[in-house]
Amino acid sequence: MTKQAKIYQKDMLEEIKSIPQEYLPNLLQIIRIFRETALLSSLSQNTIDKKQNPYPLRGIPFTYIDPTDPVALVDWEALK
């Protein structure tokens, strides 16, 4: 943990200690919502990063299994 993070943690603990006990459940809920929002922000940033590469599978090797076999024969109503 960095020195700055330790200072933030100490300040937050002091703030929490100064809050009346009846407000602690609300504070806990606020902290949890904040954490969820922060996680969603980081996840959305990852999707933005993925959108910047329109061909994410380019260069990944793949193999065709039976490339000449017909596809979805059972779905063709004309063959019934």
PDB file of N, CA and C in Angstrom:
ATOM      1  N   MET A   1       0.849  -1.168   0.000  1.00  0.00           N
ATOM      2  CA  MET A   1       0.000   0.000   0.000  1.00  0.00           C
ATOM      3  C   MET A   1       0.902   1.241   0.000  1.00  0.00           C
ATOM      4  N   THR A   2       0.570   2.180  -0.837  1.00  0.00           N
ATOM      5  CA  THR A   2       1.380   3.385  -0.934  1.00  0.00           C
ATOM      6  C   THR A   2       1.157   4.293   0.271  1.00  0.00           C
ATOM      7  N   LYS A   3       2.062   5.249   0.436  1.00  0.00           N
ATOM      8  CA  LYS A   3       1.955   6.191   1.549  1.00  0.00           C
ATOM      9  C   LYS A   3       0.664   6.998   1.433  1.00  0.00           C
ATOM     10  N   GLN A   4       0.333   7.434   0.224  1.00  0.00           N
ATOM     11  CA  GLN A   4      -0.880   8.222   0.003  1.00  0.00           C
ATOM     12  C   GLN A   4      -2.129   7.400   0.328  1.00  0.00           C
ATOM     13  N   ALA A   5      -2.135   6.120  -0.046  1.00  0.00           N
ATOM     14  CA  ALA A   5      -3.278   5.253   0.241  1.00  0.00           C
ATOM     15  C   ALA A   5      -3.445   5.070   1.747  1.00  0.00           C
ATOM     16  N   LYS A   6      -2.339   4.957   2.470  1.00  0.00           N
ATOM     17  CA  LYS A   6      -2.410   4.824   3.930  1.00  0.00           C
ATOM     18  C   LYS A   6      -3.005   6.078   4.554  1.00  0.00           C
ATOM     19  N   ILE A   7      -2.642   7.234   4.011  1.00  0.00           N
ATOM     20  CA  ILE A   7      -3.190   8.491   4.525  1.00  0.00           C
ATOM     21  C   ILE A   7      -4.694   8.537   4.277  1.00  0.00           C
ATOM     22  N   TYR A   8      -5.130   8.153   3.073  1.00  0.00           N
ATOM     23  CA  TYR A   8      -6.568   8.126   2.761  1.00  0.00           C
ATOM     24  C   TYR A   8      -7.304   7.173   3.698  1.00  0.00           C
ATOM     25  N   GLN A   9      -6.718   6.000   3.899  1.00  0.00           N
ATOM     26  CA  GLN A   9      -7.355   5.010   4.760  1.00  0.00           C
ATOM     27  C   GLN A   9      -7.492   5.543   6.190  1.00  0.00           C
ATOM     28  N   LYS A  10      -6.452   6.182   6.692  1.00  0.00           N
ATOM     29  CA  LYS A  10      -6.500   6.753   8.040  1.00  0.00           C
ATOM     30  C   LYS A  10      -7.570   7.838   8.119  1.00  0.00           C
ATOM     31  N   ASP A  11      -7.622   8.711   7.121  1.00  0.00           N
ATOM     32  CA  ASP A  11      -8.627   9.781   7.106  1.00  0.00           C
ATOM     33  C   ASP A  11     -10.040   9.214   7.044  1.00  0.00           C
ATOM     34  N   MET A  12     -10.229   8.178   6.237  1.00  0.00           N
ATOM     35  CA  MET A  12     -11.559   7.577   6.127  1.00  0.00           C
ATOM     36  C   MET A  12     -11.992   6.946   7.447  1.00  0.00           C
ATOM     37  N   LEU A  13     -11.077   6.251   8.103  1.00  0.00           N
ATOM     38  CA  LEU A  13     -11.414   5.641   9.388  1.00  0.00           C
ATOM     39  C   LEU A  13     -11.786   6.698  10.431  1.00  0.00           C
ATOM     40  N   GLU A  14     -11.079   7.818  10.420  1.00  0.00           N
ATOM     41  CA  GLU A  14     -11.412   8.898  11.343  1.00  0.00           C
ATOM     42  C   GLU A  14     -12.800   9.460  11.046  1.00  0.00           C
ATOM     43  N   GLU A  15     -13.114   9.616   9.762  1.00  0.00           N
ATOM     44  CA  GLU A  15     -14.440  10.098   9.377  1.00  0.00           C
ATOM     45  C   GLU A  15     -15.527   9.126   9.824  1.00  0.00           C
ATOM     46  N   ILE A  16     -15.275   7.835   9.624  1.00  0.00           N
ATOM     47  CA  ILE A  16     -16.265   6.821   9.999  1.00  0.00           C
ATOM     48  C   ILE A  16     -16.493   6.828  11.506  1.00  0.00           C
ATOM     49  N   LYS A  17     -15.428   6.981  12.263  1.00  0.00           N
ATOM     50  CA  LYS A  17     -15.565   7.006  13.726  1.00  0.00           C
ATOM     51  C   LYS A  17     -16.390   8.196  14.198  1.00  0.00           C
ATOM     52  N   SER A  18     -16.395   9.272  13.420  1.00  0.00           N
ATOM     53  CA  SER A  18     -17.126  10.468  13.845  1.00  0.00           C
ATOM     54  C   SER A  18     -18.608  10.436  13.459  1.00  0.00           C
ATOM     55  N   ILE A  19     -19.021   9.432  12.698  1.00  0.00           N
ATOM     56  CA  ILE A  19     -20.422   9.341  12.258  1.00  0.00           C
ATOM     57  C   ILE A  19     -21.252   8.649  13.341  1.00  0.00           C
ATOM     58  N   PRO A  20     -22.419   9.182  13.647  1.00  0.00           N
ATOM     59  CA  PRO A  20     -23.286   8.527  14.648  1.00  0.00           C
ATOM     60  C   PRO A  20     -23.664   7.109  14.212  1.00  0.00           C
ATOM     61  N   GLN A  21     -23.796   6.212  15.175  1.00  0.00           N
ATOM     62  CA  GLN A  21     -24.039   4.795  14.884  1.00  0.00           C
ATOM     63  C   GLN A  21     -25.297   4.551  14.066  1.00  0.00           C
ATOM     64  N   GLU A  22     -26.324   5.361  14.246  1.00  0.00           N
ATOM     65  CA  GLU A  22     -27.564   5.107  13.508  1.00  0.00           C
ATOM     66  C   GLU A  22     -27.412   5.354  12.006  1.00  0.00           C
ATOM     67  N   TYR A  23     -26.329   6.059  11.611  1.00  0.00           N
ATOM     68  CA  TYR A  23     -26.115   6.321  10.192  1.00  0.00           C
ATOM     69  C   TYR A  23     -25.152   5.317   9.542  1.00  0.00           C
ATOM     70  N   LEU A  24     -24.563   4.455  10.330  1.00  0.00           N
ATOM     71  CA  LEU A  24     -23.587   3.503   9.792  1.00  0.00           C
ATOM     72  C   LEU A  24     -24.178   2.555   8.739  1.00  0.00           C
ATOM     73  N   PRO A  25     -25.411   2.045   8.904  1.00  0.00           N
ATOM     74  CA  PRO A  25     -25.962   1.196   7.832  1.00  0.00           C
ATOM     75  C   PRO A  25     -26.087   1.949   6.497  1.00  0.00           C
ATOM     76  N   ASN A  26     -26.462   3.225   6.574  1.00  0.00           N
ATOM     77  CA  ASN A  26     -26.554   4.021   5.341  1.00  0.00           C
ATOM     78  C   ASN A  26     -25.183   4.221   4.709  1.00  0.00           C
ATOM     79  N   LEU A  27     -24.187   4.467   5.557  1.00  0.00           N
ATOM     80  CA  LEU A  27     -22.827   4.644   5.057  1.00  0.00           C
ATOM     81  C   LEU A  27     -22.333   3.367   4.385  1.00  0.00           C
ATOM     82  N   LEU A  28     -22.602   2.248   4.998  1.00  0.00           N
ATOM     83  CA  LEU A  28     -22.206   0.968   4.423  1.00  0.00           C
ATOM     84  C   LEU A  28     -22.850   0.772   3.054  1.00  0.00           C
ATOM     85  N   GLN A  29     -24.114   1.116   2.945  1.00  0.00           N
ATOM     86  CA  GLN A  29     -24.805   0.993   1.663  1.00  0.00           C
ATOM     87  C   GLN A  29     -24.183   1.919   0.614  1.00  0.00           C
ATOM     88  N   ILE A  30     -23.845   3.128   1.025  1.00  0.00           N
ATOM     89  CA  ILE A  30     -23.209   4.077   0.099  1.00  0.00           C
ATOM     90  C   ILE A  30     -21.870   3.531  -0.385  1.00  0.00           C
ATOM     91  N   ILE A  31     -21.093   2.969   0.531  1.00  0.00           N
ATOM     92  CA  ILE A  31     -19.776   2.418   0.167  1.00  0.00           C
ATOM     93  C   ILE A  31     -19.941   1.264  -0.815  1.00  0.00           C
ATOM     94  N   ARG A  32     -20.918   0.390  -0.568  1.00  0.00           N
ATOM     95  CA  ARG A  32     -21.127  -0.750  -1.468  1.00  0.00           C
ATOM     96  C   ARG A  32     -21.583  -0.289  -2.848  1.00  0.00           C
ATOM     97  N   ILE A  33     -22.461   0.680  -2.897  1.00  0.00           N
ATOM     98  CA  ILE A  33     -22.916   1.209  -4.187  1.00  0.00           C
ATOM     99  C   ILE A  33     -21.750   1.863  -4.926  1.00  0.00           C
ATOM    100  N   PHE A  34     -20.938   2.598  -4.188  1.00  0.00           N
ATOM    101  CA  PHE A  34     -19.765   3.217  -4.804  1.00  0.00           C
ATOM    102  C   PHE A  34     -18.838   2.170  -5.405  1.00  0.00           C
ATOM    103  N   ARG A  35     -18.597   1.089  -4.645  1.00  0.00           N
ATOM    104  CA  ARG A  35     -17.702   0.033  -5.132  1.00  0.00           C
ATOM    105  C   ARG A  35     -18.263  -0.604  -6.397  1.00  0.00           C
ATOM    106  N   GLU A  36     -19.583  -0.890  -6.410  1.00  0.00           N
ATOM    107  CA  GLU A  36     -20.207  -1.476  -7.602  1.00  0.00           C
ATOM    108  C   GLU A  36     -20.090  -0.535  -8.796  1.00  0.00           C
ATOM    109  N   THR A  37     -20.299   0.748  -8.564  1.00  0.00           N
ATOM    110  CA  THR A  37     -20.195   1.728  -9.637  1.00  0.00           C
ATOM    111  C   THR A  37     -18.770   1.805 -10.158  1.00  0.00           C
ATOM    112  N   ALA A  38     -17.810   1.775  -9.257  1.00  0.00           N
ATOM    113  CA  ALA A  38     -16.410   1.828  -9.675  1.00  0.00           C
ATOM    114  C   ALA A  38     -16.058   0.596 -10.493  1.00  0.00           C
ATOM    115  N   LEU A  39     -16.561  -0.574 -10.083  1.00  0.00           N
ATOM    116  CA  LEU A  39     -16.293  -1.794 -10.856  1.00  0.00           C
ATOM    117  C   LEU A  39     -16.939  -1.729 -12.223  1.00  0.00           C
ATOM    118  N   LEU A  40     -18.157  -1.209 -12.295  1.00  0.00           N
ATOM    119  CA  LEU A  40     -18.822  -1.075 -13.586  1.00  0.00           C
ATOM    120  C   LEU A  40     -18.069  -0.123 -14.489  1.00  0.00           C
ATOM    121  N   SER A  41     -17.500   0.931 -13.918  1.00  0.00           N
ATOM    122  CA  SER A  41     -16.722   1.872 -14.712  1.00  0.00           C
ATOM    123  C   SER A  41     -15.514   1.193 -15.316  1.00  0.00           C
ATOM    124  N   SER A  42     -14.830   0.370 -14.518  1.00  0.00           N
ATOM    125  CA  SER A  42     -13.649  -0.307 -15.046  1.00  0.00           C
ATOM    126  C   SER A  42     -14.042  -1.339 -16.096  1.00  0.00           C
ATOM    127  N   LEU A  43     -15.185  -2.010 -15.906  1.00  0.00           N
ATOM    128  CA  LEU A  43     -15.647  -2.974 -16.907  1.00  0.00           C
ATOM    129  C   LEU A  43     -16.027  -2.268 -18.197  1.00  0.00           C
ATOM    130  N   SER A  44     -16.687  -1.124 -18.098  1.00  0.00           N
ATOM    131  CA  SER A  44     -17.064  -0.402 -19.309  1.00  0.00           C
ATOM    132  C   SER A  44     -15.827   0.122 -20.012  1.00  0.00           C
ATOM    133  N   GLN A  45     -14.783   0.461 -19.261  1.00  0.00           N
ATOM    134  CA  GLN A  45     -13.534   0.894 -19.889  1.00  0.00           C
ATOM    135  C   GLN A  45     -12.919  -0.255 -20.673  1.00  0.00           C
ATOM    136  N   ASN A  46     -13.021  -1.473 -20.139  1.00  0.00           N
ATOM    137  CA  ASN A  46     -12.518  -2.645 -20.862  1.00  0.00           C
ATOM    138  C   ASN A  46     -13.282  -2.850 -22.159  1.00  0.00           C
ATOM    139  N   THR A  47     -14.595  -2.651 -22.155  1.00  0.00           N
ATOM    140  CA  THR A  47     -15.363  -2.817 -23.385  1.00  0.00           C
ATOM    141  C   THR A  47     -15.019  -1.719 -24.376  1.00  0.00           C
ATOM    142  N   ILE A  48     -14.726  -0.518 -23.897  1.00  0.00           N
ATOM    143  CA  ILE A  48     -14.290   0.550 -24.796  1.00  0.00           C
ATOM    144  C   ILE A  48     -12.969   0.170 -25.442  1.00  0.00           C
ATOM    145  N   ASP A  49     -12.052  -0.393 -24.653  1.00  0.00           N
ATOM    146  CA  ASP A  49     -10.771  -0.836 -25.190  1.00  0.00           C
ATOM    147  C   ASP A  49     -10.976  -1.903 -26.260  1.00  0.00           C
ATOM    148  N   LYS A  50     -11.932  -2.811 -26.031  1.00  0.00           N
ATOM    149  CA  LYS A  50     -12.199  -3.856 -27.007  1.00  0.00           C
ATOM    150  C   LYS A  50     -12.815  -3.285 -28.281  1.00  0.00           C
ATOM    151  N   LYS A  51     -13.632  -2.237 -28.152  1.00  0.00           N
ATOM    152  CA  LYS A  51     -14.246  -1.629 -29.322  1.00  0.00           C
ATOM    153  C   LYS A  51     -13.210  -0.939 -30.198  1.00  0.00           C
ATOM    154  N   GLN A  52     -12.102  -0.549 -29.641  1.00  0.00           N
ATOM    155  CA  GLN A  52     -11.072   0.108 -30.423  1.00  0.00           C
ATOM    156  C   GLN A  52     -10.414  -0.863 -31.393  1.00  0.00           C
ATOM    157  N   ASN A  53     -10.473  -2.156 -31.113  1.00  0.00           N
ATOM    158  CA  ASN A  53      -9.930  -3.157 -32.017  1.00  0.00           C
ATOM    159  C   ASN A  53     -11.100  -3.858 -32.696  1.00  0.00           C
ATOM    160  N   PRO A  54     -11.415  -3.504 -33.948  1.00  0.00           N
ATOM    161  CA  PRO A  54     -12.566  -4.114 -34.603  1.00  0.00           C
ATOM    162  C   PRO A  54     -12.352  -5.584 -34.980  1.00  0.00           C
ATOM    163  N   TYR A  55     -11.122  -6.078 -34.924  1.00  0.00           N
ATOM    164  CA  TYR A  55     -10.823  -7.464 -35.298  1.00  0.00           C
ATOM    165  C   TYR A  55     -10.064  -8.162 -34.169  1.00  0.00           C
ATOM    166  N   PRO A  56     -10.718  -8.419 -33.038  1.00  0.00           N
ATOM    167  CA  PRO A  56      -9.993  -8.977 -31.896  1.00  0.00           C
ATOM    168  C   PRO A  56      -9.505 -10.409 -32.110  1.00  0.00           C
ATOM    169  N   LEU A  57     -10.103 -11.126 -33.056  1.00  0.00           N
ATOM    170  CA  LEU A  57      -9.686 -12.519 -33.300  1.00  0.00           C
ATOM    171  C   LEU A  57      -8.614 -12.634 -34.382  1.00  0.00           C
ATOM    172  N   ARG A  58      -8.242 -11.534 -34.982  1.00  0.00           N
ATOM    173  CA  ARG A  58      -7.234 -11.567 -36.040  1.00  0.00           C
ATOM    174  C   ARG A  58      -5.927 -12.123 -35.482  1.00  0.00           C
ATOM    175  N   GLY A  59      -5.364 -13.100 -36.214  1.00  0.00           N
ATOM    176  CA  GLY A  59      -4.100 -13.695 -35.810  1.00  0.00           C
ATOM    177  C   GLY A  59      -4.244 -14.913 -34.914  1.00  0.00           C
ATOM    178  N   ILE A  60      -5.466 -15.227 -34.478  1.00  0.00           N
ATOM    179  CA  ILE A  60      -5.675 -16.401 -33.636  1.00  0.00           C
ATOM    180  C   ILE A  60      -5.910 -17.604 -34.554  1.00  0.00           C
ATOM    181  N   PRO A  61      -5.120 -18.669 -34.395  1.00  0.00           N
ATOM    182  CA  PRO A  61      -5.287 -19.836 -35.272  1.00  0.00           C
ATOM    183  C   PRO A  61      -6.603 -20.568 -35.000  1.00  0.00           C
ATOM    184  N   PHE A  62      -7.191 -21.142 -36.049  1.00  0.00           N
ATOM    185  CA  PHE A  62      -8.418 -21.922 -35.913  1.00  0.00           C
ATOM    186  C   PHE A  62      -8.401 -23.048 -36.928  1.00  0.00           C
ATOM    187  N   THR A  63      -9.239 -24.045 -36.719  1.00  0.00           N
ATOM    188  CA  THR A  63      -9.310 -25.192 -37.615  1.00  0.00           C
ATOM    189  C   THR A  63     -10.747 -25.427 -38.029  1.00  0.00           C
ATOM    190  N   TYR A  64     -10.919 -25.762 -39.277  1.00  0.00           N
ATOM    191  CA  TYR A  64     -12.241 -26.143 -39.760  1.00  0.00           C
ATOM    192  C   TYR A  64     -12.417 -27.637 -39.543  1.00  0.00           C
ATOM    193  N   ILE A  65     -13.554 -28.024 -38.980  1.00  0.00           N
ATOM    194  CA  ILE A  65     -13.866 -29.434 -38.809  1.00  0.00           C
ATOM    195  C   ILE A  65     -14.930 -29.763 -39.843  1.00  0.00           C
ATOM    196  N   ASP A  66     -14.633 -30.660 -40.731  1.00  0.00           N
ATOM    197  CA  ASP A  66     -15.522 -31.041 -41.828  1.00  0.00           C
ATOM    198  C   ASP A  66     -16.037 -29.815 -42.586  1.00  0.00           C
ATOM    199  N   PRO A  67     -15.174 -29.089 -43.250  1.00  0.00           N
ATOM    200  CA  PRO A  67     -15.591 -27.842 -43.896  1.00  0.00           C
ATOM    201  C   PRO A  67     -16.549 -28.042 -45.067  1.00  0.00           C
ATOM    202  N   THR A  68     -16.614 -29.239 -45.633  1.00  0.00           N
ATOM    203  CA  THR A  68     -17.493 -29.443 -46.791  1.00  0.00           C
ATOM    204  C   THR A  68     -18.825 -30.085 -46.423  1.00  0.00           C
ATOM    205  N   ASP A  69     -19.028 -30.413 -45.150  1.00  0.00           N
ATOM    206  CA  ASP A  69     -20.310 -30.977 -44.737  1.00  0.00           C
ATOM    207  C   ASP A  69     -21.398 -29.911 -44.777  1.00  0.00           C
ATOM    208  N   PRO A  70     -22.632 -30.309 -45.115  1.00  0.00           N
ATOM    209  CA  PRO A  70     -23.719 -29.335 -45.121  1.00  0.00           C
ATOM    210  C   PRO A  70     -24.037 -28.847 -43.705  1.00  0.00           C
ATOM    211  N   VAL A  71     -24.510 -27.636 -43.644  1.00  0.00           N
ATOM    212  CA  VAL A  71     -24.796 -27.012 -42.350  1.00  0.00           C
ATOM    213  C   VAL A  71     -26.307 -26.946 -42.154  1.00  0.00           C
ATOM    214  N   ALA A  72     -26.783 -27.337 -40.992  1.00  0.00           N
ATOM    215  CA  ALA A  72     -28.185 -27.220 -40.588  1.00  0.00           C
ATOM    216  C   ALA A  72     -29.139 -27.880 -41.577  1.00  0.00           C
ATOM    217  N   LEU A  73     -28.831 -29.093 -41.973  1.00  0.00           N
ATOM    218  CA  LEU A  73     -29.711 -29.813 -42.892  1.00  0.00           C
ATOM    219  C   LEU A  73     -31.100 -30.017 -42.313  1.00  0.00           C
ATOM    220  N   VAL A  74     -31.191 -30.234 -41.022  1.00  0.00           N
ATOM    221  CA  VAL A  74     -32.493 -30.488 -40.402  1.00  0.00           C
ATOM    222  C   VAL A  74     -33.368 -29.240 -40.397  1.00  0.00           C
ATOM    223  N   ASP A  75     -32.773 -28.067 -40.553  1.00  0.00           N
ATOM    224  CA  ASP A  75     -33.541 -26.830 -40.536  1.00  0.00           C
ATOM    225  C   ASP A  75     -34.155 -26.483 -41.888  1.00  0.00           C
ATOM    226  N   TRP A  76     -33.770 -27.153 -42.940  1.00  0.00           N
ATOM    227  CA  TRP A  76     -34.268 -26.843 -44.280  1.00  0.00           C
ATOM    228  C   TRP A  76     -35.631 -27.500 -44.474  1.00  0.00           C
ATOM    229  N   GLU A  77     -36.676 -26.719 -44.489  1.00  0.00           N
ATOM    230  CA  GLU A  77     -38.018 -27.274 -44.690  1.00  0.00           C
ATOM    231  C   GLU A  77     -38.214 -27.770 -46.122  1.00  0.00           C
ATOM    232  N   ALA A  78     -37.464 -27.249 -47.059  1.00  0.00           N
ATOM    233  CA  ALA A  78     -37.615 -27.646 -48.453  1.00  0.00           C
ATOM    234  C   ALA A  78     -37.181 -29.099 -48.659  1.00  0.00           C
ATOM    235  N   LEU A  79     -36.323 -29.598 -47.824  1.00  0.00           N
ATOM    236  CA  LEU A  79     -35.849 -30.975 -47.982  1.00  0.00           C
ATOM    237  C   LEU A  79     -36.789 -31.992 -47.356  1.00  0.00           C
ATOM    238  N   LYS A  80     -37.802 -31.534 -46.599  1.00  0.00           N
ATOM    239  CA  LYS A  80     -38.705 -32.472 -45.935  1.00  0.00           C
ATOM    240  C   LYS A  80     -39.786 -32.948 -46.865  1.00  0.00           C
TER     241      LYS A  80
END
